[in-house]
Amino acid sequence: MNDPAGSIRPARLTDRPALVALSRQVHEGTEGFRRSLGVPAHSSAPPRISLAALMPSWLPLRSPSVHMVAEWEGRLVGSCRAIEEPHRDDWVITELDAADSPMASEVRFALLRSVIEEGGRRDVARYHAACADVPENMELFGQLNFMAYANEEIWYRAPDGVQGGQPDDLLPATPSDAWHLFDLWTHTTPPTIARIEGYGAQDWEPVGHEGVVPRSALNPLLHFSAVNAWLLPDGQRVAGFAQHGACRAGPHYLRFLVRDGADGAAFLGAVLKAAGSEALAAGILAPVRTYESTGRQAAEAAGFEPVGQVSMLVREVLASARQPAMVPAV
């Protein structure tokens, strides 16, 4: 397919060196958050840490469901990839990069449109993305009917020498805890957002070994070598939940939920011990939704600092548009 922004085509194995170079160029640039996904705008307050500097590779190890590139005069100038979400007919846009040029916006639009067209041929139900809340991103996604439905802060805890250990009050999360975890998520999530993300109790069964639920801006991007999760029981309910993703290179990942009224600082302190010395020595990235006030307070008390904010986006495809039309029998 040819486009004013260049030639849009599926990526090839031989493109990998050029894609690595393009990804590094985009994410290390001072304007990277305007020409990529998942990188929050640089914070105007300390610590001014760029996620691009914390994550050594922006090329996911998971095979993409689709990967399109833009080529101009024999040079790759853009890349867009999406991965299929396990257990659902949804795709997550994990990369939308364009080289720095006057045509960067046109390149990104053409790539994103191409991925959505391919998804239409594969009966994709919804598309998800996360990006810095800057006009370049919001206008681009808005043109293709994406809707921003939540904001997520990225918190970072720098490496330190605290020793890990398994606290007595935490329990490993197991499939039998799915209903209680679903109840906790429902308690900590506004109803409108819960309807959009659409989790049921069964979606929480694999959280102890699979880093997909709950959704965040980071879990589709990071390379987890192992996933584990813990919960804090409180009578017949769960007061806290934390999911840890271990990464061989770069910071580890931590997603947590804390029920209102629980001691979030004590819970998160116990979770950090359970995550272990390796995680604490590597540093930890933690996405926290802006409506999770208890979680934000716990993150600050546990030594995390916010490094930026991203918008969570979704594009719904009407079921009627995904189903073949009924044809009268002849």
C-alpha atoms as a PDB file:
ATOM      1  CA  MET A   1       0.000   0.000   0.000  1.00  0.00           C
ATOM      2  CA  ASN A   2       1.280   3.452  -0.888  1.00  0.00           C
ATOM      3  CA  ASP A   3       0.537   6.518   1.162  1.00  0.00           C
ATOM      4  CA  PRO A   4       1.602  10.173   1.038  1.00  0.00           C
ATOM      5  CA  ALA A   5       3.557   9.371   4.226  1.00  0.00           C
ATOM      6  CA  GLY A   6       5.483   6.651   2.385  1.00  0.00           C
ATOM      7  CA  SER A   7       4.975   3.007   1.546  1.00  0.00           C
ATOM      8  CA  ILE A   8       3.134   1.075   4.296  1.00  0.00           C
ATOM      9  CA  ARG A   9       3.916  -2.646   4.335  1.00  0.00           C
ATOM     10  CA  PRO A  10       4.245  -5.587   6.761  1.00  0.00           C
ATOM     11  CA  ALA A  11       7.556  -5.770   8.592  1.00  0.00           C
ATOM     12  CA  ARG A  12      10.124  -8.321   7.473  1.00  0.00           C
ATOM     13  CA  LEU A  13      12.763 -10.201   9.453  1.00  0.00           C
ATOM     14  CA  THR A  14      15.419  -8.291   7.547  1.00  0.00           C
ATOM     15  CA  ASP A  15      14.001  -5.019   8.948  1.00  0.00           C
ATOM     16  CA  ARG A  16      15.087  -5.822  12.508  1.00  0.00           C
ATOM     17  CA  PRO A  17      18.399  -3.848  12.581  1.00  0.00           C
ATOM     18  CA  ALA A  18      16.669  -0.791  11.133  1.00  0.00           C
ATOM     19  CA  LEU A  19      13.752  -1.164  13.579  1.00  0.00           C
ATOM     20  CA  VAL A  20      16.093  -1.362  16.554  1.00  0.00           C
ATOM     21  CA  ALA A  21      17.846   1.804  15.386  1.00  0.00           C
ATOM     22  CA  LEU A  22      14.520   3.592  14.769  1.00  0.00           C
ATOM     23  CA  SER A  23      13.148   2.626  18.185  1.00  0.00           C
ATOM     24  CA  ARG A  24      16.283   3.816  19.951  1.00  0.00           C
ATOM     25  CA  GLN A  25      16.316   7.086  18.020  1.00  0.00           C
ATOM     26  CA  VAL A  26      12.667   7.848  18.781  1.00  0.00           C
ATOM     27  CA  HIS A  27      12.664   6.928  22.469  1.00  0.00           C
ATOM     28  CA  GLU A  28      15.962   8.549  23.337  1.00  0.00           C
ATOM     29  CA  GLY A  29      15.040  11.826  21.678  1.00  0.00           C
ATOM     30  CA  THR A  30      13.821  14.747  23.750  1.00  0.00           C
ATOM     31  CA  GLU A  31      10.530  14.718  21.804  1.00  0.00           C
ATOM     32  CA  GLY A  32      10.092  10.952  21.957  1.00  0.00           C
ATOM     33  CA  PHE A  33       6.861  11.178  23.920  1.00  0.00           C
ATOM     34  CA  ARG A  34       5.315  13.031  20.981  1.00  0.00           C
ATOM     35  CA  ARG A  35       6.310  10.407  18.412  1.00  0.00           C
ATOM     36  CA  SER A  36       5.805   7.132  20.302  1.00  0.00           C
ATOM     37  CA  LEU A  37       3.596   5.338  22.822  1.00  0.00           C
ATOM     38  CA  GLY A  38       3.975   4.518  26.492  1.00  0.00           C
ATOM     39  CA  VAL A  39       6.507   7.237  27.261  1.00  0.00           C
ATOM     40  CA  PRO A  40       5.120   9.942  29.537  1.00  0.00           C
ATOM     41  CA  ALA A  41       6.103  13.528  28.962  1.00  0.00           C
ATOM     42  CA  HIS A  42       9.134  14.571  30.954  1.00  0.00           C
ATOM     43  CA  SER A  43       8.152  15.671  34.443  1.00  0.00           C
ATOM     44  CA  SER A  44       8.713  19.312  35.351  1.00  0.00           C
ATOM     45  CA  ALA A  45       9.564  18.277  38.925  1.00  0.00           C
ATOM     46  CA  PRO A  46      12.246  15.943  40.306  1.00  0.00           C
ATOM     47  CA  PRO A  47      13.278  13.180  39.711  1.00  0.00           C
ATOM     48  CA  ARG A  48      12.873  13.848  35.959  1.00  0.00           C
ATOM     49  CA  ILE A  49      13.512  10.225  35.055  1.00  0.00           C
ATOM     50  CA  SER A  50      12.790   9.172  31.486  1.00  0.00           C
ATOM     51  CA  LEU A  51      11.300   5.729  30.986  1.00  0.00           C
ATOM     52  CA  ALA A  52      13.367   5.474  27.808  1.00  0.00           C
ATOM     53  CA  ALA A  53      16.501   5.547  29.952  1.00  0.00           C
ATOM     54  CA  LEU A  54      15.148   2.918  32.349  1.00  0.00           C
ATOM     55  CA  MET A  55      14.110   0.323  29.776  1.00  0.00           C
ATOM     56  CA  PRO A  56      17.018  -0.930  27.651  1.00  0.00           C
ATOM     57  CA  SER A  57      14.834  -2.358  24.856  1.00  0.00           C
ATOM     58  CA  TRP A  58      11.568  -1.133  23.411  1.00  0.00           C
ATOM     59  CA  LEU A  59      11.183  -4.087  21.037  1.00  0.00           C
ATOM     60  CA  PRO A  60       8.808  -6.555  22.729  1.00  0.00           C
ATOM     61  CA  LEU A  61       9.846 -10.201  22.758  1.00  0.00           C
ATOM     62  CA  ARG A  62       6.256 -11.293  22.212  1.00  0.00           C
ATOM     63  CA  SER A  63       5.492 -11.852  18.539  1.00  0.00           C
ATOM     64  CA  PRO A  64       3.156  -9.156  17.247  1.00  0.00           C
ATOM     65  CA  SER A  65      -0.223 -10.067  15.824  1.00  0.00           C
ATOM     66  CA  VAL A  66       0.551  -7.486  13.169  1.00  0.00           C
ATOM     67  CA  HIS A  67       3.555  -5.269  12.530  1.00  0.00           C
ATOM     68  CA  MET A  68       3.467  -2.573   9.867  1.00  0.00           C
ATOM     69  CA  VAL A  69       6.302  -0.276   8.844  1.00  0.00           C
ATOM     70  CA  ALA A  70       6.543   2.912   6.809  1.00  0.00           C
ATOM     71  CA  GLU A  71       9.291   3.133   4.206  1.00  0.00           C
ATOM     72  CA  TRP A  72      10.410   6.273   2.428  1.00  0.00           C
ATOM     73  CA  GLU A  73      13.088   6.224  -0.273  1.00  0.00           C
ATOM     74  CA  GLY A  74      14.405   2.883   0.975  1.00  0.00           C
ATOM     75  CA  ARG A  75      14.587   3.951   4.646  1.00  0.00           C
ATOM     76  CA  LEU A  76      12.276   2.878   7.481  1.00  0.00           C
ATOM     77  CA  VAL A  77      10.653   5.973   8.967  1.00  0.00           C
ATOM     78  CA  GLY A  78       7.889   4.455  11.087  1.00  0.00           C
ATOM     79  CA  SER A  79       6.739   1.327  12.895  1.00  0.00           C
ATOM     80  CA  CYS A  80       3.424   0.216  14.394  1.00  0.00           C
ATOM     81  CA  ARG A  81       2.755  -3.112  16.038  1.00  0.00           C
ATOM     82  CA  ALA A  82      -0.079  -4.682  17.946  1.00  0.00           C
ATOM     83  CA  ILE A  83      -0.293  -7.860  19.998  1.00  0.00           C
ATOM     84  CA  GLU A  84      -3.317 -10.023  20.582  1.00  0.00           C
ATOM     85  CA  GLU A  85      -4.532  -9.958  24.160  1.00  0.00           C
ATOM     86  CA  PRO A  86      -4.759 -13.449  25.693  1.00  0.00           C
ATOM     87  CA  HIS A  87      -8.280 -14.804  26.197  1.00  0.00           C
ATOM     88  CA  ARG A  88      -9.906 -11.925  24.282  1.00  0.00           C
ATOM     89  CA  ASP A  89     -10.512 -10.703  20.735  1.00  0.00           C
ATOM     90  CA  ASP A  90      -8.692  -7.461  21.590  1.00  0.00           C
ATOM     91  CA  TRP A  91      -5.442  -5.996  20.303  1.00  0.00           C
ATOM     92  CA  VAL A  92      -3.049  -3.780  22.243  1.00  0.00           C
ATOM     93  CA  ILE A  93      -1.097  -1.207  20.235  1.00  0.00           C
ATOM     94  CA  THR A  94       2.396  -1.501  21.704  1.00  0.00           C
ATOM     95  CA  GLU A  95       4.383   0.655  19.320  1.00  0.00           C
ATOM     96  CA  LEU A  96       3.642   3.628  17.087  1.00  0.00           C
ATOM     97  CA  ASP A  97       6.943   5.290  16.242  1.00  0.00           C
ATOM     98  CA  ALA A  98       7.928   7.793  13.594  1.00  0.00           C
ATOM     99  CA  ALA A  99      11.305   9.273  12.819  1.00  0.00           C
ATOM    100  CA  ASP A 100      11.711  12.989  13.478  1.00  0.00           C
ATOM    101  CA  SER A 101      10.538  14.742  10.324  1.00  0.00           C
ATOM    102  CA  PRO A 102       7.843  17.181   9.169  1.00  0.00           C
ATOM    103  CA  MET A 103       5.811  14.130   8.099  1.00  0.00           C
ATOM    104  CA  ALA A 104       5.946  12.324  11.476  1.00  0.00           C
ATOM    105  CA  SER A 105       2.235  12.857  12.203  1.00  0.00           C
ATOM    106  CA  GLU A 106       1.209  11.644   8.756  1.00  0.00           C
ATOM    107  CA  VAL A 107       3.421   8.566   9.101  1.00  0.00           C
ATOM    108  CA  ARG A 108       1.905   7.631  12.445  1.00  0.00           C
ATOM    109  CA  PHE A 109      -1.655   8.145  11.187  1.00  0.00           C
ATOM    110  CA  ALA A 110      -1.065   5.986   8.117  1.00  0.00           C
ATOM    111  CA  LEU A 111       0.484   3.208  10.213  1.00  0.00           C
ATOM    112  CA  LEU A 112      -2.259   3.202  12.830  1.00  0.00           C
ATOM    113  CA  ARG A 113      -4.966   3.220  10.162  1.00  0.00           C
ATOM    114  CA  SER A 114      -3.271   0.287   8.438  1.00  0.00           C
ATOM    115  CA  VAL A 115      -3.173  -1.752  11.652  1.00  0.00           C
ATOM    116  CA  ILE A 116      -6.869  -1.059  12.308  1.00  0.00           C
ATOM    117  CA  GLU A 117      -7.753  -2.091   8.761  1.00  0.00           C
ATOM    118  CA  GLU A 118      -5.867  -5.347   9.284  1.00  0.00           C
ATOM    119  CA  GLY A 119      -7.670  -5.859  12.586  1.00  0.00           C
ATOM    120  CA  GLY A 120     -10.980  -5.427  10.795  1.00  0.00           C
ATOM    121  CA  ARG A 121     -10.085  -8.342   8.557  1.00  0.00           C
ATOM    122  CA  ARG A 122      -9.314 -10.441  11.656  1.00  0.00           C
ATOM    123  CA  ASP A 123     -12.513  -9.590  13.545  1.00  0.00           C
ATOM    124  CA  VAL A 124     -10.802  -7.656  16.347  1.00  0.00           C
ATOM    125  CA  ALA A 125     -13.309  -6.486  18.951  1.00  0.00           C
ATOM    126  CA  ARG A 126     -11.385  -3.651  20.628  1.00  0.00           C
ATOM    127  CA  TYR A 127      -8.072  -1.843  20.366  1.00  0.00           C
ATOM    128  CA  HIS A 128      -6.184  -0.560  23.401  1.00  0.00           C
ATOM    129  CA  ALA A 129      -3.306   1.902  23.649  1.00  0.00           C
ATOM    130  CA  ALA A 130      -1.556   4.144  26.158  1.00  0.00           C
ATOM    131  CA  CYS A 131       0.284   7.348  25.338  1.00  0.00           C
ATOM    132  CA  ALA A 132       1.502  10.640  26.705  1.00  0.00           C
ATOM    133  CA  ASP A 133      -1.368  13.131  26.969  1.00  0.00           C
ATOM    134  CA  VAL A 134      -0.057  15.604  24.400  1.00  0.00           C
ATOM    135  CA  PRO A 135      -2.009  17.106  21.460  1.00  0.00           C
ATOM    136  CA  GLU A 136      -0.060  15.112  18.856  1.00  0.00           C
ATOM    137  CA  ASN A 137      -1.219  11.830  20.389  1.00  0.00           C
ATOM    138  CA  MET A 138      -4.758  12.723  21.395  1.00  0.00           C
ATOM    139  CA  GLU A 139      -5.614  14.281  18.026  1.00  0.00           C
ATOM    140  CA  LEU A 140      -4.149  11.314  16.152  1.00  0.00           C
ATOM    141  CA  PHE A 141      -6.084   8.699  18.089  1.00  0.00           C
ATOM    142  CA  GLY A 142      -9.219  10.825  18.102  1.00  0.00           C
ATOM    143  CA  GLN A 143      -9.241  10.879  14.286  1.00  0.00           C
ATOM    144  CA  LEU A 144      -9.469   7.073  14.362  1.00  0.00           C
ATOM    145  CA  ASN A 145     -12.219   6.971  17.029  1.00  0.00           C
ATOM    146  CA  PHE A 146     -10.136   6.103  20.080  1.00  0.00           C
ATOM    147  CA  MET A 147     -11.463   7.370  23.400  1.00  0.00           C
ATOM    148  CA  ALA A 148      -9.407   8.295  26.474  1.00  0.00           C
ATOM    149  CA  TYR A 149     -11.024   6.717  29.519  1.00  0.00           C
ATOM    150  CA  ALA A 150      -8.442   6.852  32.331  1.00  0.00           C
ATOM    151  CA  ASN A 151      -5.118   8.409  33.308  1.00  0.00           C
ATOM    152  CA  GLU A 152      -2.284   6.383  34.756  1.00  0.00           C
ATOM    153  CA  GLU A 153       0.750   7.653  36.617  1.00  0.00           C
ATOM    154  CA  ILE A 154       4.052   5.810  36.307  1.00  0.00           C
ATOM    155  CA  TRP A 155       5.886   5.607  39.641  1.00  0.00           C
ATOM    156  CA  TYR A 156       9.511   4.566  40.038  1.00  0.00           C
ATOM    157  CA  ARG A 157      11.387   3.280  43.063  1.00  0.00           C
ATOM    158  CA  ALA A 158      15.134   3.585  42.683  1.00  0.00           C
ATOM    159  CA  PRO A 159      17.376   0.609  43.549  1.00  0.00           C
ATOM    160  CA  ASP A 160      18.357   0.269  47.184  1.00  0.00           C
ATOM    161  CA  GLY A 161      19.855  -2.274  49.545  1.00  0.00           C
ATOM    162  CA  VAL A 162      16.706  -3.351  51.384  1.00  0.00           C
ATOM    163  CA  GLN A 163      16.657  -7.115  51.883  1.00  0.00           C
ATOM    164  CA  GLY A 164      13.727  -9.170  50.707  1.00  0.00           C
ATOM    165  CA  GLY A 165      11.827 -11.813  52.630  1.00  0.00           C
ATOM    166  CA  GLN A 166       8.355 -13.339  52.797  1.00  0.00           C
ATOM    167  CA  PRO A 167       6.121 -11.441  55.257  1.00  0.00           C
ATOM    168  CA  ASP A 168       3.729 -13.517  57.363  1.00  0.00           C
ATOM    169  CA  ASP A 169       0.597 -11.513  56.521  1.00  0.00           C
ATOM    170  CA  LEU A 170       0.703 -11.948  52.738  1.00  0.00           C
ATOM    171  CA  LEU A 171      -0.704 -14.937  50.862  1.00  0.00           C
ATOM    172  CA  PRO A 172       0.111 -15.998  47.295  1.00  0.00           C
ATOM    173  CA  ALA A 173      -2.752 -15.279  44.904  1.00  0.00           C
ATOM    174  CA  THR A 174      -4.258 -18.476  43.474  1.00  0.00           C
ATOM    175  CA  PRO A 175      -7.083 -19.197  40.999  1.00  0.00           C
ATOM    176  CA  SER A 176      -9.440 -19.839  43.915  1.00  0.00           C
ATOM    177  CA  ASP A 177      -9.001 -16.190  44.964  1.00  0.00           C
ATOM    178  CA  ALA A 178     -10.366 -14.869  41.663  1.00  0.00           C
ATOM    179  CA  TRP A 179     -13.760 -13.784  42.993  1.00  0.00           C
ATOM    180  CA  HIS A 180     -12.212 -11.910  45.944  1.00  0.00           C
ATOM    181  CA  LEU A 181      -9.727 -10.152  43.646  1.00  0.00           C
ATOM    182  CA  PHE A 182     -12.537  -9.224  41.273  1.00  0.00           C
ATOM    183  CA  ASP A 183     -14.411  -7.769  44.260  1.00  0.00           C
ATOM    184  CA  LEU A 184     -11.349  -5.699  45.218  1.00  0.00           C
ATOM    185  CA  TRP A 185     -10.909  -4.417  41.659  1.00  0.00           C
ATOM    186  CA  THR A 186     -14.607  -3.514  41.482  1.00  0.00           C
ATOM    187  CA  HIS A 187     -14.250  -1.593  44.761  1.00  0.00           C
ATOM    188  CA  THR A 188     -11.196   0.377  43.585  1.00  0.00           C
ATOM    189  CA  THR A 189     -12.389   1.080  40.019  1.00  0.00           C
ATOM    190  CA  PRO A 190     -15.063   3.614  39.001  1.00  0.00           C
ATOM    191  CA  PRO A 191     -18.089   1.885  37.407  1.00  0.00           C
ATOM    192  CA  THR A 192     -17.638   3.589  34.026  1.00  0.00           C
ATOM    193  CA  ILE A 193     -14.056   2.336  33.760  1.00  0.00           C
ATOM    194  CA  ALA A 194     -15.013  -1.113  35.013  1.00  0.00           C
ATOM    195  CA  ARG A 195     -17.596  -1.347  32.228  1.00  0.00           C
ATOM    196  CA  ILE A 196     -15.006  -0.406  29.602  1.00  0.00           C
ATOM    197  CA  GLU A 197     -12.351  -2.850  30.784  1.00  0.00           C
ATOM    198  CA  GLY A 198     -15.015  -5.481  31.259  1.00  0.00           C
ATOM    199  CA  TYR A 199     -13.302  -7.959  33.571  1.00  0.00           C
ATOM    200  CA  GLY A 200     -15.180 -10.816  35.158  1.00  0.00           C
ATOM    201  CA  ALA A 201     -14.121 -12.987  38.071  1.00  0.00           C
ATOM    202  CA  GLN A 202     -12.678 -15.628  35.725  1.00  0.00           C
ATOM    203  CA  ASP A 203     -10.209 -13.083  34.300  1.00  0.00           C
ATOM    204  CA  TRP A 204      -8.463 -12.970  37.681  1.00  0.00           C
ATOM    205  CA  GLU A 205      -7.673 -16.678  37.860  1.00  0.00           C
ATOM    206  CA  PRO A 206      -4.241 -16.497  36.125  1.00  0.00           C
ATOM    207  CA  VAL A 207      -2.929 -13.323  37.809  1.00  0.00           C
ATOM    208  CA  GLY A 208      -0.396 -15.301  39.842  1.00  0.00           C
ATOM    209  CA  HIS A 209       1.516 -16.410  36.756  1.00  0.00           C
ATOM    210  CA  GLU A 210       0.349 -14.203  33.867  1.00  0.00           C
ATOM    211  CA  GLY A 211       0.961 -10.448  33.760  1.00  0.00           C
ATOM    212  CA  VAL A 212      -2.061  -9.385  31.691  1.00  0.00           C
ATOM    213  CA  VAL A 213      -4.797  -8.565  34.253  1.00  0.00           C
ATOM    214  CA  PRO A 214      -5.196  -5.931  35.582  1.00  0.00           C
ATOM    215  CA  ARG A 215      -4.553  -3.749  32.554  1.00  0.00           C
ATOM    216  CA  SER A 216      -1.815  -1.129  32.670  1.00  0.00           C
ATOM    217  CA  ALA A 217       0.221   0.940  30.251  1.00  0.00           C
ATOM    218  CA  LEU A 218       3.369  -1.051  30.979  1.00  0.00           C
ATOM    219  CA  ASN A 219       2.552  -4.750  31.101  1.00  0.00           C
ATOM    220  CA  PRO A 220       2.271  -5.151  27.296  1.00  0.00           C
ATOM    221  CA  LEU A 221       5.694  -3.490  26.874  1.00  0.00           C
ATOM    222  CA  LEU A 222       7.844  -5.223  29.459  1.00  0.00           C
ATOM    223  CA  HIS A 223       9.534  -8.603  29.183  1.00  0.00           C
ATOM    224  CA  PHE A 224       8.553 -10.688  32.210  1.00  0.00           C
ATOM    225  CA  SER A 225      10.760 -13.667  32.987  1.00  0.00           C
ATOM    226  CA  ALA A 226       8.417 -14.606  35.854  1.00  0.00           C
ATOM    227  CA  VAL A 227       5.176 -13.326  37.389  1.00  0.00           C
ATOM    228  CA  ASN A 228       3.885 -13.807  40.929  1.00  0.00           C
ATOM    229  CA  ALA A 229       1.183 -12.150  43.004  1.00  0.00           C
ATOM    230  CA  TRP A 230       0.117 -11.755  46.626  1.00  0.00           C
ATOM    231  CA  LEU A 231      -2.961 -10.661  48.483  1.00  0.00           C
ATOM    232  CA  LEU A 232      -3.666  -9.305  51.931  1.00  0.00           C
ATOM    233  CA  PRO A 233      -6.701 -11.009  53.494  1.00  0.00           C
ATOM    234  CA  ASP A 234      -9.101  -9.013  55.644  1.00  0.00           C
ATOM    235  CA  GLY A 235     -11.821 -11.261  57.031  1.00  0.00           C
ATOM    236  CA  GLN A 236     -13.984 -12.411  54.138  1.00  0.00           C
ATOM    237  CA  ARG A 237     -12.465  -9.830  51.776  1.00  0.00           C
ATOM    238  CA  VAL A 238      -9.122  -8.916  50.276  1.00  0.00           C
ATOM    239  CA  ALA A 239      -7.628  -5.612  51.444  1.00  0.00           C
ATOM    240  CA  GLY A 240      -4.731  -5.502  48.988  1.00  0.00           C
ATOM    241  CA  PHE A 241      -3.400  -7.169  45.869  1.00  0.00           C
ATOM    242  CA  ALA A 242       0.010  -6.885  44.208  1.00  0.00           C
ATOM    243  CA  GLN A 243       1.395  -8.431  41.034  1.00  0.00           C
ATOM    244  CA  HIS A 244       5.160  -8.542  40.465  1.00  0.00           C
ATOM    245  CA  GLY A 245       6.755  -9.043  37.068  1.00  0.00           C
ATOM    246  CA  ALA A 246      10.449  -9.928  37.110  1.00  0.00           C
ATOM    247  CA  CYS A 247      12.554  -8.538  34.267  1.00  0.00           C
ATOM    248  CA  ARG A 248      15.995  -9.833  33.358  1.00  0.00           C
ATOM    249  CA  ALA A 249      17.089  -6.422  32.098  1.00  0.00           C
ATOM    250  CA  GLY A 250      15.911  -3.128  33.536  1.00  0.00           C
ATOM    251  CA  PRO A 251      13.485  -2.393  36.368  1.00  0.00           C
ATOM    252  CA  HIS A 252      10.932  -4.878  37.663  1.00  0.00           C
ATOM    253  CA  TYR A 253       7.175  -4.250  37.453  1.00  0.00           C
ATOM    254  CA  LEU A 254       4.621  -3.919  40.248  1.00  0.00           C
ATOM    255  CA  ARG A 255       0.872  -3.399  39.908  1.00  0.00           C
ATOM    256  CA  PHE A 256      -1.137  -3.135  43.100  1.00  0.00           C
ATOM    257  CA  LEU A 257      -4.639  -2.369  44.367  1.00  0.00           C
ATOM    258  CA  VAL A 258      -5.465  -1.226  47.899  1.00  0.00           C
ATOM    259  CA  ARG A 259      -8.939  -1.098  49.400  1.00  0.00           C
ATOM    260  CA  ASP A 260      -9.976   2.202  50.980  1.00  0.00           C
ATOM    261  CA  GLY A 261      -9.375   2.109  54.722  1.00  0.00           C
ATOM    262  CA  ALA A 262      -6.536  -0.419  54.510  1.00  0.00           C
ATOM    263  CA  ASP A 263      -2.994   0.433  55.600  1.00  0.00           C
ATOM    264  CA  GLY A 264      -1.580   0.779  52.116  1.00  0.00           C
ATOM    265  CA  ALA A 265       1.897   1.787  53.275  1.00  0.00           C
ATOM    266  CA  ALA A 266       2.288  -1.305  55.456  1.00  0.00           C
ATOM    267  CA  PHE A 267       0.873  -3.537  52.712  1.00  0.00           C
ATOM    268  CA  LEU A 268       3.223  -2.179  50.055  1.00  0.00           C
ATOM    269  CA  GLY A 269       6.177  -2.443  52.434  1.00  0.00           C
ATOM    270  CA  ALA A 270       5.389  -6.125  52.889  1.00  0.00           C
ATOM    271  CA  VAL A 271       5.029  -6.575  49.129  1.00  0.00           C
ATOM    272  CA  LEU A 272       8.455  -5.057  48.495  1.00  0.00           C
ATOM    273  CA  LYS A 273      10.002  -7.558  50.887  1.00  0.00           C
ATOM    274  CA  ALA A 274       8.182 -10.390  49.145  1.00  0.00           C
ATOM    275  CA  ALA A 275       9.361  -9.165  45.721  1.00  0.00           C
ATOM    276  CA  GLY A 276      12.888  -9.946  46.859  1.00  0.00           C
ATOM    277  CA  SER A 277      16.339  -8.434  46.877  1.00  0.00           C
ATOM    278  CA  GLU A 278      16.802  -8.794  43.117  1.00  0.00           C
ATOM    279  CA  ALA A 279      13.756  -6.613  42.405  1.00  0.00           C
ATOM    280  CA  LEU A 280      14.767  -4.026  44.967  1.00  0.00           C
ATOM    281  CA  ALA A 281      18.279  -3.868  43.544  1.00  0.00           C
ATOM    282  CA  ALA A 282      16.980  -3.446  39.970  1.00  0.00           C
ATOM    283  CA  GLY A 283      14.458  -0.695  40.731  1.00  0.00           C
ATOM    284  CA  ILE A 284      10.699  -1.015  40.313  1.00  0.00           C
ATOM    285  CA  LEU A 285       8.168   0.610  37.988  1.00  0.00           C
ATOM    286  CA  ALA A 286       4.589   0.803  39.258  1.00  0.00           C
ATOM    287  CA  PRO A 287       1.606   2.075  37.234  1.00  0.00           C
ATOM    288  CA  VAL A 288      -1.082   3.638  39.432  1.00  0.00           C
ATOM    289  CA  ARG A 289      -4.364   5.043  38.119  1.00  0.00           C
ATOM    290  CA  THR A 290      -4.999   8.641  39.127  1.00  0.00           C
ATOM    291  CA  TYR A 291      -8.327   7.681  40.752  1.00  0.00           C
ATOM    292  CA  GLU A 292      -6.534   5.195  43.067  1.00  0.00           C
ATOM    293  CA  SER A 293      -5.846   7.686  45.840  1.00  0.00           C
ATOM    294  CA  THR A 294      -5.054   5.020  48.444  1.00  0.00           C
ATOM    295  CA  GLY A 295      -2.592   3.395  46.062  1.00  0.00           C
ATOM    296  CA  ARG A 296      -0.879   6.692  45.282  1.00  0.00           C
ATOM    297  CA  GLN A 297      -0.459   7.423  48.980  1.00  0.00           C
ATOM    298  CA  ALA A 298       0.968   3.939  49.535  1.00  0.00           C
ATOM    299  CA  ALA A 299       3.420   4.353  46.641  1.00  0.00           C
ATOM    300  CA  GLU A 300       4.723   7.624  48.034  1.00  0.00           C
ATOM    301  CA  ALA A 301       5.088   6.158  51.524  1.00  0.00           C
ATOM    302  CA  ALA A 302       7.038   3.189  50.110  1.00  0.00           C
ATOM    303  CA  GLY A 303       9.645   5.371  48.412  1.00  0.00           C
ATOM    304  CA  PHE A 304       8.214   5.582  44.882  1.00  0.00           C
ATOM    305  CA  GLU A 305       8.281   8.844  42.909  1.00  0.00           C
ATOM    306  CA  PRO A 306       6.049   9.749  39.932  1.00  0.00           C
ATOM    307  CA  VAL A 307       7.947  10.047  36.645  1.00  0.00           C
ATOM    308  CA  GLY A 308       5.062  10.887  34.323  1.00  0.00           C
ATOM    309  CA  GLN A 309       1.512  10.195  33.265  1.00  0.00           C
ATOM    310  CA  VAL A 310      -0.128   8.464  30.310  1.00  0.00           C
ATOM    311  CA  SER A 311      -3.684   8.282  28.989  1.00  0.00           C
ATOM    312  CA  MET A 312      -5.399   4.920  28.562  1.00  0.00           C
ATOM    313  CA  LEU A 313      -7.262   4.698  25.258  1.00  0.00           C
ATOM    314  CA  VAL A 314      -9.768   2.273  23.769  1.00  0.00           C
ATOM    315  CA  ARG A 315     -11.433   1.907  20.377  1.00  0.00           C
ATOM    316  CA  GLU A 316     -14.628  -0.123  20.413  1.00  0.00           C
ATOM    317  CA  VAL A 317     -15.817  -2.041  17.366  1.00  0.00           C
ATOM    318  CA  LEU A 318     -19.582  -2.553  17.334  1.00  0.00           C
ATOM    319  CA  ALA A 319     -20.540  -6.200  17.366  1.00  0.00           C
ATOM    320  CA  SER A 320     -22.821  -5.634  14.388  1.00  0.00           C
ATOM    321  CA  ALA A 321     -19.876  -4.338  12.396  1.00  0.00           C
ATOM    322  CA  ARG A 322     -17.841  -7.441  13.186  1.00  0.00           C
ATOM    323  CA  GLN A 323     -20.508  -9.959  12.254  1.00  0.00           C
ATOM    324  CA  PRO A 324     -21.386 -10.936   8.679  1.00  0.00           C
ATOM    325  CA  ALA A 325     -24.737  -9.701   7.463  1.00  0.00           C
ATOM    326  CA  MET A 326     -27.662 -12.116   7.462  1.00  0.00           C
ATOM    327  CA  VAL A 327     -28.569 -13.177   3.889  1.00  0.00           C
ATOM    328  CA  PRO A 328     -31.976 -14.634   3.081  1.00  0.00           C
ATOM    329  CA  ALA A 329     -31.921 -18.254   1.966  1.00  0.00           C
ATOM    330  CA  VAL A 330     -32.482 -18.781  -1.739  1.00  0.00           C
END
